[in-house]
Protein backbone atom coordinates (compact mmCIF):
# COMPACT_ATOMS: atom_id res chain seq x y z
CA UNK A 1 -4.61 -147.55 -7.98
CA UNK A 2 -2.37 -149.22 -10.45
CA UNK A 3 -4.08 -152.62 -9.63
CA UNK A 4 -7.37 -151.00 -10.68
CA UNK A 5 -5.95 -149.85 -13.93
CA UNK A 6 -4.30 -153.26 -14.68
CA UNK A 7 -7.61 -155.08 -13.99
CA UNK A 8 -9.42 -152.92 -16.56
CA UNK A 9 -6.69 -153.50 -18.99
CA UNK A 10 -6.78 -157.21 -18.56
CA UNK A 11 -10.53 -157.16 -18.84
CA UNK A 12 -10.24 -155.23 -22.11
CA UNK A 13 -8.00 -157.90 -23.32
CA UNK A 14 -9.66 -160.94 -22.00
CA UNK A 15 -13.06 -160.50 -22.94
CA UNK A 16 -12.57 -159.78 -26.53
CA UNK A 17 -10.39 -162.90 -26.73
CA UNK A 18 -13.10 -164.84 -25.08
CA UNK A 19 -15.69 -163.61 -27.52
CA UNK A 20 -13.34 -164.51 -30.42
CA UNK A 21 -12.60 -168.01 -29.09
CA UNK A 22 -16.34 -168.71 -29.00
CA UNK A 23 -16.86 -167.47 -32.44
CA UNK A 24 -13.93 -169.47 -33.83
CA UNK A 25 -15.02 -172.58 -32.08
CA UNK A 26 -18.63 -172.23 -33.62
CA UNK A 27 -16.92 -171.77 -36.97
CA UNK A 28 -15.05 -175.06 -36.43
CA UNK A 29 -11.71 -173.28 -36.25
CA UNK A 30 -10.65 -175.40 -33.39
CA UNK A 31 -6.88 -174.77 -33.48
CA UNK A 32 -7.34 -171.01 -33.42
CA UNK A 33 -9.94 -171.47 -30.58
CA UNK A 34 -7.65 -173.42 -28.44
CA UNK A 35 -4.74 -170.81 -28.78
CA UNK A 36 -7.19 -168.05 -27.77
CA UNK A 37 -8.42 -170.32 -24.95
CA UNK A 38 -4.95 -170.58 -23.58
CA UNK A 39 -4.48 -166.90 -23.69
CA UNK A 40 -7.89 -166.32 -22.16
CA UNK A 41 -7.23 -168.67 -19.17
CA UNK A 42 -3.88 -167.11 -18.51
CA UNK A 43 -5.30 -163.54 -18.42
CA UNK A 44 -8.29 -164.65 -16.43
CA UNK A 45 -6.25 -166.35 -13.59
CA UNK A 46 -3.96 -163.22 -13.40
CA UNK A 47 -6.87 -160.89 -13.32
CA UNK A 48 -8.67 -162.85 -10.63
CA UNK A 49 -5.62 -163.08 -8.70
CA UNK A 50 -5.27 -159.29 -8.58
CA UNK A 51 -8.78 -158.88 -7.49
CA UNK A 52 -8.67 -161.42 -4.56
CA UNK A 53 -5.26 -160.77 -3.43
CA UNK A 54 -5.08 -158.73 -0.10
CA UNK A 55 -8.06 -156.63 0.63
CA UNK A 56 -11.04 -157.01 -1.77
CA UNK A 57 -11.83 -153.60 -2.99
CA UNK A 58 -15.43 -152.90 -4.11
CA UNK A 59 -13.90 -150.44 -6.76
CA UNK A 60 -11.62 -153.32 -8.08
CA UNK A 61 -14.74 -155.54 -8.49
CA UNK A 62 -16.80 -152.73 -10.21
CA UNK A 63 -13.86 -152.02 -12.63
CA UNK A 64 -13.72 -155.76 -13.37
CA UNK A 65 -17.37 -155.89 -14.30
CA UNK A 66 -17.07 -152.62 -16.30
CA UNK A 67 -14.07 -153.96 -18.10
CA UNK A 68 -16.14 -157.17 -18.85
CA UNK A 69 -18.95 -155.10 -20.33
CA UNK A 70 -16.61 -152.80 -22.39
CA UNK A 71 -14.83 -156.05 -23.56
CA UNK A 72 -17.92 -157.59 -24.82
CA UNK A 73 -18.57 -154.62 -27.06
CA UNK A 74 -14.97 -154.60 -28.28
CA UNK A 75 -15.15 -158.38 -29.11
CA UNK A 76 -18.28 -157.93 -31.04
CA UNK A 77 -16.77 -154.92 -32.95
CA UNK A 78 -13.65 -156.89 -33.81
CA UNK A 79 -15.55 -159.96 -34.86
CA UNK A 80 -17.83 -157.79 -37.12
CA UNK A 81 -14.67 -156.28 -38.75
CA UNK A 82 -13.06 -159.69 -39.23
CA UNK A 83 -16.40 -160.97 -40.79
CA UNK A 84 -15.26 -164.53 -40.82
CA UNK A 85 -17.38 -166.93 -42.83
CA UNK A 86 -20.32 -166.62 -45.26
CA UNK A 87 -23.80 -165.27 -45.32
CA UNK A 88 -26.75 -166.36 -47.56
CA UNK A 89 -29.30 -163.87 -48.47
CA UNK A 90 -32.92 -164.66 -49.69
CA UNK A 91 -34.18 -161.57 -51.46
CA UNK A 92 -37.84 -161.52 -52.27
CA UNK A 93 -39.17 -159.30 -55.08
CA UNK A 94 -42.53 -158.61 -56.52
CA UNK A 95 -41.13 -158.17 -60.19
CA UNK A 96 -38.33 -159.77 -61.94
CA UNK A 97 -35.67 -157.12 -61.91
CA UNK A 98 -33.14 -157.85 -64.57
CA UNK A 99 -31.12 -154.87 -63.87
CA UNK A 100 -30.55 -155.75 -60.42
CA UNK A 101 -29.64 -159.37 -61.27
CA UNK A 102 -27.21 -158.02 -63.81
CA UNK A 103 -25.58 -155.45 -61.57
CA UNK A 104 -25.09 -158.18 -58.68
CA UNK A 105 -23.66 -160.72 -61.22
CA UNK A 106 -21.33 -157.92 -62.59
CA UNK A 107 -20.15 -157.12 -59.03
CA UNK A 108 -19.15 -160.88 -58.65
CA UNK A 109 -22.12 -162.25 -56.80
CA UNK A 110 -23.51 -165.65 -57.79
CA UNK A 111 -27.29 -165.24 -57.99
CA UNK A 112 -29.82 -167.92 -58.37
CA UNK A 113 -33.49 -166.77 -59.29
CA UNK A 114 -36.56 -168.85 -58.27
CA UNK A 115 -40.15 -168.15 -59.30
CA UNK A 116 -42.80 -168.73 -56.72
CA UNK A 117 -46.38 -168.21 -56.05
CA UNK A 118 -47.23 -165.59 -53.42
CA UNK A 119 -50.67 -164.82 -51.82
CA UNK A 120 -51.66 -162.45 -54.52
CA UNK A 121 -49.33 -162.94 -57.48
CA UNK A 122 -46.12 -164.60 -58.79
CA UNK A 123 -43.00 -163.71 -56.63
CA UNK A 124 -39.18 -163.78 -57.42
CA UNK A 125 -36.64 -164.82 -54.99
CA UNK A 126 -32.98 -164.28 -55.37
CA UNK A 127 -30.65 -166.50 -53.55
CA UNK A 128 -27.18 -165.41 -52.94
CA UNK A 129 -24.19 -166.91 -50.96
CA UNK A 130 -21.34 -164.38 -50.28
CA UNK A 131 -18.58 -163.79 -47.92
CA UNK A 132 -19.64 -161.96 -44.70
CA UNK A 133 -17.40 -158.96 -45.53
CA UNK A 134 -19.44 -158.27 -48.76
CA UNK A 135 -22.86 -158.46 -47.03
CA UNK A 136 -23.24 -154.67 -46.46
CA UNK A 137 -22.21 -154.01 -50.18
CA UNK A 138 -24.75 -156.61 -51.41
CA UNK A 139 -27.61 -155.20 -49.22
CA UNK A 140 -26.97 -151.52 -50.33
CA UNK A 141 -26.94 -152.64 -54.03
CA UNK A 142 -30.31 -154.60 -53.53
CA UNK A 143 -31.92 -151.52 -51.70
CA UNK A 144 -30.58 -149.25 -54.43
CA UNK A 145 -32.56 -151.07 -57.16
CA UNK A 146 -35.22 -152.48 -55.05
CA UNK A 147 -35.90 -150.35 -51.89
CA UNK A 148 -39.09 -152.47 -50.80
CA UNK A 149 -37.46 -155.88 -51.24
CA UNK A 150 -37.85 -158.37 -48.41
CA UNK A 151 -34.37 -159.59 -47.46
CA UNK A 152 -33.54 -162.49 -45.10
CA UNK A 153 -29.87 -162.94 -44.20
CA UNK A 154 -28.43 -165.92 -42.38
CA UNK A 155 -25.19 -167.67 -41.83
CA UNK A 156 -24.69 -171.35 -43.36
CA UNK A 157 -22.80 -173.79 -41.37
CA UNK A 158 -21.10 -174.90 -44.56
CA UNK A 159 -21.24 -175.11 -48.27
CA UNK A 160 -19.73 -177.36 -50.91
CA UNK A 161 -19.32 -176.55 -54.49
CA UNK A 162 -21.13 -173.76 -56.29
CA UNK A 163 -20.15 -170.34 -57.65
CA UNK A 164 -17.87 -169.35 -54.59
CA UNK A 165 -15.73 -172.37 -54.67
CA UNK A 166 -15.17 -172.44 -58.58
CA UNK A 167 -12.36 -169.89 -58.54
CA UNK A 168 -10.52 -172.00 -55.92
CA UNK A 169 -10.93 -175.11 -58.17
CA UNK A 170 -9.56 -173.16 -61.14
CA UNK A 171 -6.67 -172.23 -59.32
CA UNK A 172 -5.88 -175.75 -58.00
CA UNK A 173 -6.20 -177.11 -61.64
CA UNK A 174 -3.68 -174.56 -62.86
CA UNK A 175 -1.11 -175.73 -60.27
CA UNK A 176 -1.51 -179.41 -61.32
CA UNK A 177 -0.66 -178.55 -65.07
């Protein structure tokens, strides 16, 4: 019975580490990913040795699979809370909503406005790049001012320059003086 509990605990540690390792690798954080990979391999080998040592219990294998499934959910939850990286939103509006644009800028979001031609009329598109941990706040603000806005959110691989990096450059300039 102790082995069964240990297998579950190991899976609940192993799988979130596995999930985070993949995410860090995709985000090109190779050093962090390699450290997590080491821990992942260590836990994986130890867990498998528990399952395949002695008589293979069906219950142990089921607990292993159950721990894997729960671990995936935990890894996703942890990644969502860490919110590493940036997100870019394209918001399509029927009308130019100056109140919304002003509110977003006052909240610290860099907003670029484009005017385009839609099927039936002129459309306005707001383009905003922000850190992922502010995405929910941004969408809630947009929905408060424009409930029928069409919003597309995606994660850019990289960005150079622009509104988000300006404060960093300002800090570096002050240190050089």
